[in-house]
């Protein structure tokens, strides 16, 4: 609402929360890094999934070109 163009330096702590399903991986929601090992996202993004279903990707504004966080 009323936003503008983003640049990568504006929110380097922003990540993509990706779910692995039977049809492949898909972007479920955005998330925010909290420290070096935690991500906060909305509860509805995780509903019906196990922790092992998720990946976190980061590194730019184009979510098709993001890097996976090593586990």
N, C-alpha and C. Protein backbone atom coordinates (compact mmCIF):
# COMPACT_ATOMS: atom_id res chain seq x y z
N UNK A 1 0.84 -1.16 0.00
CA UNK A 1 0.00 0.00 0.00
C UNK A 1 0.89 1.23 0.00
N UNK A 2 0.89 1.93 -1.09
CA UNK A 2 1.67 3.15 -1.18
C UNK A 2 3.17 2.91 -1.26
N UNK A 3 3.57 1.69 -1.57
CA UNK A 3 4.99 1.35 -1.61
C UNK A 3 5.67 1.88 -2.86
N UNK A 4 6.93 1.59 -2.96
CA UNK A 4 7.72 2.00 -4.11
C UNK A 4 8.69 0.91 -4.50
N UNK A 5 9.54 1.23 -5.44
CA UNK A 5 10.54 0.27 -5.89
C UNK A 5 11.47 -0.09 -4.74
N UNK A 6 11.82 -1.36 -4.64
CA UNK A 6 12.75 -1.83 -3.61
C UNK A 6 14.15 -1.95 -4.19
N UNK A 7 15.13 -1.85 -3.34
CA UNK A 7 16.48 -2.23 -3.75
C UNK A 7 17.03 -3.17 -2.69
N UNK A 8 17.95 -4.01 -3.09
CA UNK A 8 18.42 -5.10 -2.22
C UNK A 8 19.03 -4.59 -0.92
N UNK A 9 19.58 -3.40 -0.91
CA UNK A 9 20.21 -2.87 0.30
C UNK A 9 19.18 -2.42 1.34
N UNK A 10 17.94 -2.22 0.91
CA UNK A 10 16.90 -1.73 1.81
C UNK A 10 16.54 -2.76 2.88
N UNK A 11 16.49 -4.03 2.52
CA UNK A 11 16.06 -5.07 3.47
C UNK A 11 16.88 -6.34 3.27
N UNK A 12 18.17 -6.33 3.62
CA UNK A 12 19.02 -7.50 3.41
C UNK A 12 18.63 -8.70 4.28
N UNK A 13 17.77 -8.49 5.25
CA UNK A 13 17.32 -9.54 6.16
C UNK A 13 16.06 -10.24 5.65
N UNK A 14 15.52 -9.83 4.50
CA UNK A 14 14.32 -10.43 3.92
C UNK A 14 14.68 -11.74 3.22
N UNK A 15 13.85 -12.77 3.39
CA UNK A 15 14.09 -14.07 2.77
C UNK A 15 12.80 -14.58 2.13
N UNK A 16 12.94 -15.59 1.31
CA UNK A 16 11.81 -16.31 0.73
C UNK A 16 11.66 -17.63 1.48
N UNK A 17 10.48 -17.90 1.99
CA UNK A 17 10.20 -19.18 2.64
C UNK A 17 9.59 -20.08 1.57
N UNK A 18 10.31 -21.16 1.27
CA UNK A 18 9.96 -22.06 0.17
C UNK A 18 9.49 -23.38 0.75
N UNK A 19 8.40 -23.91 0.20
CA UNK A 19 7.85 -25.19 0.63
C UNK A 19 8.13 -26.23 -0.44
N UNK A 20 8.59 -27.40 -0.01
CA UNK A 20 8.79 -28.53 -0.91
C UNK A 20 7.54 -29.40 -0.87
N UNK A 21 6.91 -29.56 -1.99
CA UNK A 21 5.70 -30.38 -2.08
C UNK A 21 5.82 -31.41 -3.18
N UNK A 22 4.76 -32.15 -3.40
CA UNK A 22 4.78 -33.22 -4.42
C UNK A 22 4.97 -32.65 -5.82
N UNK A 23 4.66 -31.41 -6.03
CA UNK A 23 4.79 -30.77 -7.34
C UNK A 23 6.05 -29.90 -7.44
N UNK A 24 6.95 -30.01 -6.47
CA UNK A 24 8.19 -29.24 -6.49
C UNK A 24 8.21 -28.16 -5.43
N UNK A 25 9.21 -27.31 -5.52
CA UNK A 25 9.36 -26.22 -4.55
C UNK A 25 8.58 -24.99 -5.01
N UNK A 26 7.97 -24.29 -4.07
CA UNK A 26 7.29 -23.04 -4.41
C UNK A 26 7.43 -22.02 -3.29
N UNK A 27 7.45 -20.76 -3.68
CA UNK A 27 7.53 -19.65 -2.72
C UNK A 27 6.22 -19.61 -1.96
N UNK A 28 6.28 -19.73 -0.64
CA UNK A 28 5.07 -19.70 0.18
C UNK A 28 4.84 -18.31 0.77
N UNK A 29 5.89 -17.71 1.28
CA UNK A 29 5.78 -16.41 1.96
C UNK A 29 7.15 -15.78 2.08
N UNK A 30 7.13 -14.54 2.46
CA UNK A 30 8.36 -13.87 2.84
C UNK A 30 8.64 -14.14 4.30
N UNK A 31 9.85 -13.90 4.69
CA UNK A 31 10.24 -14.05 6.09
C UNK A 31 11.33 -13.05 6.41
N UNK A 32 11.67 -12.97 7.68
CA UNK A 32 12.69 -12.04 8.15
C UNK A 32 13.70 -12.82 8.98
N UNK A 33 14.98 -12.63 8.68
CA UNK A 33 16.03 -13.25 9.48
C UNK A 33 16.05 -12.63 10.87
N UNK A 34 16.15 -13.49 11.87
CA UNK A 34 16.30 -13.06 13.26
C UNK A 34 17.54 -13.78 13.77
N UNK A 35 18.61 -13.07 13.88
CA UNK A 35 19.87 -13.70 14.24
C UNK A 35 20.43 -14.47 13.06
N UNK A 36 21.23 -15.48 13.35
CA UNK A 36 21.88 -16.23 12.27
C UNK A 36 21.21 -17.57 11.96
N UNK A 37 20.25 -18.00 12.79
CA UNK A 37 19.66 -19.31 12.59
C UNK A 37 18.15 -19.35 12.68
N UNK A 38 17.49 -18.19 12.67
CA UNK A 38 16.03 -18.18 12.82
C UNK A 38 15.38 -17.27 11.79
N UNK A 39 14.16 -17.64 11.41
CA UNK A 39 13.35 -16.85 10.49
C UNK A 39 11.96 -16.70 11.09
N UNK A 40 11.40 -15.50 11.00
CA UNK A 40 10.03 -15.26 11.42
C UNK A 40 9.19 -15.06 10.16
N UNK A 41 8.05 -15.76 10.11
CA UNK A 41 7.11 -15.62 9.00
C UNK A 41 5.70 -15.71 9.58
N UNK A 42 4.71 -15.52 8.76
CA UNK A 42 3.32 -15.58 9.22
C UNK A 42 2.90 -17.03 9.47
N UNK A 43 2.05 -17.23 10.47
CA UNK A 43 1.61 -18.58 10.84
C UNK A 43 0.91 -19.29 9.69
N UNK A 44 0.13 -18.57 8.89
CA UNK A 44 -0.60 -19.23 7.80
C UNK A 44 0.33 -19.79 6.74
N UNK A 45 1.57 -19.35 6.73
CA UNK A 45 2.55 -19.88 5.76
C UNK A 45 3.02 -21.27 6.13
N UNK A 46 2.90 -21.64 7.39
CA UNK A 46 3.41 -22.92 7.86
C UNK A 46 2.31 -23.94 8.13
N UNK A 47 1.08 -23.51 8.11
CA UNK A 47 -0.05 -24.37 8.44
C UNK A 47 -0.10 -25.60 7.54
N UNK A 48 -0.15 -26.77 8.16
CA UNK A 48 -0.27 -28.02 7.41
C UNK A 48 1.06 -28.59 6.93
N UNK A 49 2.17 -27.99 7.32
CA UNK A 49 3.49 -28.47 6.89
C UNK A 49 4.34 -28.85 8.08
N UNK A 50 5.34 -29.69 7.82
CA UNK A 50 6.34 -30.05 8.82
C UNK A 50 7.57 -29.17 8.62
N UNK A 51 8.38 -29.05 9.65
CA UNK A 51 9.59 -28.22 9.56
C UNK A 51 10.48 -28.64 8.39
N UNK A 52 10.55 -29.93 8.12
CA UNK A 52 11.39 -30.43 7.04
C UNK A 52 10.89 -30.10 5.64
N UNK A 53 9.68 -29.57 5.54
CA UNK A 53 9.12 -29.19 4.24
C UNK A 53 9.66 -27.85 3.74
N UNK A 54 10.34 -27.10 4.61
CA UNK A 54 10.72 -25.73 4.28
C UNK A 54 12.19 -25.58 3.92
N UNK A 55 12.43 -24.61 3.04
CA UNK A 55 13.77 -24.11 2.74
C UNK A 55 13.69 -22.60 2.86
N UNK A 56 14.82 -21.98 3.10
CA UNK A 56 14.88 -20.53 3.14
C UNK A 56 15.86 -20.10 2.06
N UNK A 57 15.45 -19.13 1.24
CA UNK A 57 16.32 -18.62 0.18
C UNK A 57 16.50 -17.12 0.36
N UNK A 58 17.65 -16.64 -0.08
CA UNK A 58 17.99 -15.23 0.11
C UNK A 58 18.90 -14.76 -1.02
N UNK A 59 19.15 -13.48 -1.05
CA UNK A 59 20.20 -12.98 -1.94
C UNK A 59 19.73 -12.16 -3.11
N UNK A 60 18.71 -11.36 -2.97
CA UNK A 60 18.31 -10.48 -4.06
C UNK A 60 16.82 -10.26 -4.11
N UNK A 61 16.38 -9.60 -5.16
CA UNK A 61 14.98 -9.25 -5.29
C UNK A 61 14.21 -10.17 -6.24
N UNK A 62 14.91 -10.95 -7.03
CA UNK A 62 14.28 -11.88 -7.97
C UNK A 62 14.23 -13.26 -7.33
N UNK A 63 13.06 -13.68 -6.84
CA UNK A 63 13.02 -14.93 -6.08
C UNK A 63 13.29 -16.16 -6.92
N UNK A 64 13.33 -16.04 -8.25
CA UNK A 64 13.70 -17.18 -9.10
C UNK A 64 15.21 -17.37 -9.15
N UNK A 65 15.97 -16.42 -8.60
CA UNK A 65 17.43 -16.49 -8.66
C UNK A 65 18.07 -16.49 -7.27
N UNK A 66 17.31 -16.76 -6.24
CA UNK A 66 17.83 -16.73 -4.87
C UNK A 66 18.66 -17.97 -4.55
N UNK A 67 19.51 -17.86 -3.55
CA UNK A 67 20.34 -18.96 -3.08
C UNK A 67 19.70 -19.60 -1.85
N UNK A 68 19.79 -20.91 -1.76
CA UNK A 68 19.28 -21.61 -0.58
C UNK A 68 20.24 -21.45 0.58
N UNK A 69 19.68 -21.28 1.77
CA UNK A 69 20.51 -21.22 2.98
C UNK A 69 20.96 -22.64 3.30
N UNK A 70 22.27 -22.84 3.51
CA UNK A 70 22.75 -24.19 3.86
C UNK A 70 22.12 -24.66 5.16
N UNK A 71 21.82 -25.94 5.23
CA UNK A 71 21.18 -26.49 6.43
C UNK A 71 22.20 -27.05 7.39
